[in-house]
């Protein structure tokens, strides 16, 4: 049985939109951000800051 915190804060993967296969792994709070997450982060393969989108 999953714990209650795992249901509220699932592990998500953020994939780069620069066309590289680089991903970040993080958690998010489903109650505060029910939509898909989009963050500007550094992509070391591209060598610059790009938009990372949540994948499921």
N, C-alpha and C. Protein backbone atom coordinates (compact mmCIF):
# COMPACT_ATOMS: atom_id res chain seq x y z
N UNK A 1 0.84 -1.18 0.00
CA UNK A 1 0.00 0.00 0.00
C UNK A 1 0.88 1.24 0.00
N UNK A 2 0.61 2.17 -0.89
CA UNK A 2 1.41 3.38 -1.00
C UNK A 2 1.12 4.32 0.17
N UNK A 3 2.15 5.00 0.58
CA UNK A 3 1.95 5.96 1.68
C UNK A 3 1.21 7.18 1.17
N UNK A 4 0.63 7.91 2.07
CA UNK A 4 -0.16 9.08 1.69
C UNK A 4 0.69 10.16 1.06
N UNK A 5 1.95 10.31 1.52
CA UNK A 5 2.82 11.34 0.95
C UNK A 5 3.21 11.00 -0.49
N UNK A 6 3.29 9.72 -0.83
CA UNK A 6 3.63 9.34 -2.20
C UNK A 6 2.49 9.67 -3.16
N UNK A 7 1.26 9.66 -2.66
CA UNK A 7 0.12 10.01 -3.51
C UNK A 7 0.08 11.51 -3.76
N UNK A 8 0.47 12.30 -2.77
CA UNK A 8 0.42 13.76 -2.90
C UNK A 8 1.64 14.29 -3.66
N UNK A 9 2.83 13.70 -3.41
CA UNK A 9 4.06 14.17 -4.04
C UNK A 9 4.67 13.06 -4.91
N UNK A 10 4.15 12.86 -6.13
CA UNK A 10 4.70 11.81 -6.99
C UNK A 10 6.04 12.24 -7.60
N UNK A 11 6.84 11.24 -7.96
CA UNK A 11 8.11 11.49 -8.65
C UNK A 11 7.78 11.74 -10.11
N UNK A 12 8.32 12.83 -10.67
CA UNK A 12 8.08 13.17 -12.08
C UNK A 12 9.41 13.33 -12.79
N UNK A 13 9.37 13.26 -14.11
CA UNK A 13 10.56 13.46 -14.94
C UNK A 13 10.35 14.69 -15.79
N UNK A 14 11.35 15.55 -15.84
CA UNK A 14 11.32 16.75 -16.68
C UNK A 14 12.23 16.50 -17.87
N UNK A 15 11.68 16.53 -19.08
CA UNK A 15 12.46 16.27 -20.29
C UNK A 15 12.73 17.57 -21.04
N UNK A 16 13.92 17.70 -21.57
CA UNK A 16 14.35 18.89 -22.28
C UNK A 16 13.59 19.05 -23.60
N UNK A 17 13.24 20.30 -23.94
CA UNK A 17 12.58 20.57 -25.22
C UNK A 17 13.59 20.94 -26.30
N UNK A 18 14.89 20.89 -25.97
CA UNK A 18 15.93 21.24 -26.94
C UNK A 18 16.24 20.09 -27.89
N UNK A 19 15.58 18.95 -27.74
CA UNK A 19 15.82 17.83 -28.63
C UNK A 19 16.85 16.85 -28.08
N UNK A 20 17.41 17.14 -26.92
CA UNK A 20 18.35 16.21 -26.29
C UNK A 20 17.54 15.22 -25.45
N UNK A 21 18.17 14.20 -24.96
CA UNK A 21 17.48 13.20 -24.15
C UNK A 21 17.72 13.42 -22.66
N UNK A 22 18.21 14.58 -22.30
CA UNK A 22 18.53 14.86 -20.90
C UNK A 22 17.25 15.09 -20.10
N UNK A 23 17.20 14.50 -18.89
CA UNK A 23 16.04 14.65 -18.02
C UNK A 23 16.47 14.97 -16.61
N UNK A 24 15.60 15.66 -15.88
CA UNK A 24 15.74 15.88 -14.45
C UNK A 24 14.64 15.08 -13.77
N UNK A 25 14.90 14.61 -12.56
CA UNK A 25 13.91 13.89 -11.77
C UNK A 25 13.63 14.70 -10.52
N UNK A 26 12.36 14.91 -10.21
CA UNK A 26 11.98 15.69 -9.04
C UNK A 26 10.61 15.22 -8.57
N UNK A 27 10.09 15.86 -7.53
CA UNK A 27 8.74 15.58 -7.06
C UNK A 27 7.93 16.85 -7.15
N UNK A 28 6.62 16.70 -7.18
CA UNK A 28 5.76 17.88 -7.18
C UNK A 28 4.55 17.61 -6.31
N UNK A 29 3.93 18.67 -5.82
CA UNK A 29 2.75 18.56 -5.01
C UNK A 29 1.53 18.64 -5.92
N UNK A 30 0.76 17.57 -6.00
CA UNK A 30 -0.41 17.54 -6.90
C UNK A 30 -1.49 18.52 -6.48
N UNK A 31 -1.60 18.80 -5.20
CA UNK A 31 -2.65 19.72 -4.76
C UNK A 31 -2.36 21.15 -5.21
N UNK A 32 -1.10 21.57 -5.17
CA UNK A 32 -0.75 22.94 -5.54
C UNK A 32 -0.57 23.11 -7.04
N UNK A 33 -0.04 22.10 -7.73
CA UNK A 33 0.21 22.19 -9.17
C UNK A 33 -0.37 20.97 -9.87
N UNK A 34 -1.68 20.97 -10.14
CA UNK A 34 -2.28 19.81 -10.80
C UNK A 34 -1.92 19.71 -12.29
N UNK A 35 -1.53 20.83 -12.91
CA UNK A 35 -1.17 20.82 -14.32
C UNK A 35 0.26 20.33 -14.49
N UNK A 36 0.64 20.11 -15.74
CA UNK A 36 2.00 19.67 -16.02
C UNK A 36 2.99 20.80 -15.75
N UNK A 37 4.12 20.43 -15.19
CA UNK A 37 5.14 21.39 -14.77
C UNK A 37 6.01 21.78 -15.96
N UNK A 38 6.37 23.06 -16.06
CA UNK A 38 7.30 23.56 -17.07
C UNK A 38 8.28 24.49 -16.36
N UNK A 39 9.58 24.16 -16.44
CA UNK A 39 10.61 24.94 -15.77
C UNK A 39 11.76 25.23 -16.72
N UNK A 40 12.38 26.41 -16.56
CA UNK A 40 13.61 26.72 -17.28
C UNK A 40 14.77 26.19 -16.46
N UNK A 41 15.52 25.24 -17.04
CA UNK A 41 16.66 24.65 -16.35
C UNK A 41 17.81 24.54 -17.33
N UNK A 42 19.01 24.27 -16.80
CA UNK A 42 20.20 24.16 -17.63
C UNK A 42 20.28 22.76 -18.23
N UNK A 43 20.48 22.71 -19.53
CA UNK A 43 20.68 21.44 -20.23
C UNK A 43 22.17 21.33 -20.56
N UNK A 44 22.91 20.43 -19.89
CA UNK A 44 24.35 20.34 -20.14
C UNK A 44 24.69 19.81 -21.52
N UNK A 45 23.81 19.07 -22.16
CA UNK A 45 24.07 18.57 -23.50
C UNK A 45 23.98 19.71 -24.51
N UNK A 46 22.96 20.57 -24.36
CA UNK A 46 22.79 21.72 -25.25
C UNK A 46 23.71 22.86 -24.84
N UNK A 47 24.09 22.92 -23.56
CA UNK A 47 24.99 23.97 -23.08
C UNK A 47 24.30 25.29 -22.80
N UNK A 48 22.98 25.27 -22.59
CA UNK A 48 22.26 26.51 -22.30
C UNK A 48 21.00 26.19 -21.52
N UNK A 49 20.32 27.23 -21.06
CA UNK A 49 19.05 27.08 -20.34
C UNK A 49 17.94 26.89 -21.35
N UNK A 50 17.14 25.85 -21.15
CA UNK A 50 16.02 25.56 -22.04
C UNK A 50 14.80 25.18 -21.20
N UNK A 51 13.66 25.10 -21.84
CA UNK A 51 12.43 24.74 -21.16
C UNK A 51 12.37 23.22 -20.97
N UNK A 52 12.06 22.79 -19.76
CA UNK A 52 11.89 21.38 -19.45
C UNK A 52 10.42 21.16 -19.13
N UNK A 53 9.81 20.14 -19.74
CA UNK A 53 8.39 19.85 -19.52
C UNK A 53 8.23 18.50 -18.83
N UNK A 54 7.18 18.40 -18.04
CA UNK A 54 6.90 17.16 -17.32
C UNK A 54 6.42 16.07 -18.28
N UNK A 55 6.98 14.87 -18.12
CA UNK A 55 6.51 13.71 -18.85
C UNK A 55 5.99 12.70 -17.87
N UNK A 56 5.11 11.83 -18.32
CA UNK A 56 4.52 10.85 -17.42
C UNK A 56 4.84 9.45 -17.88
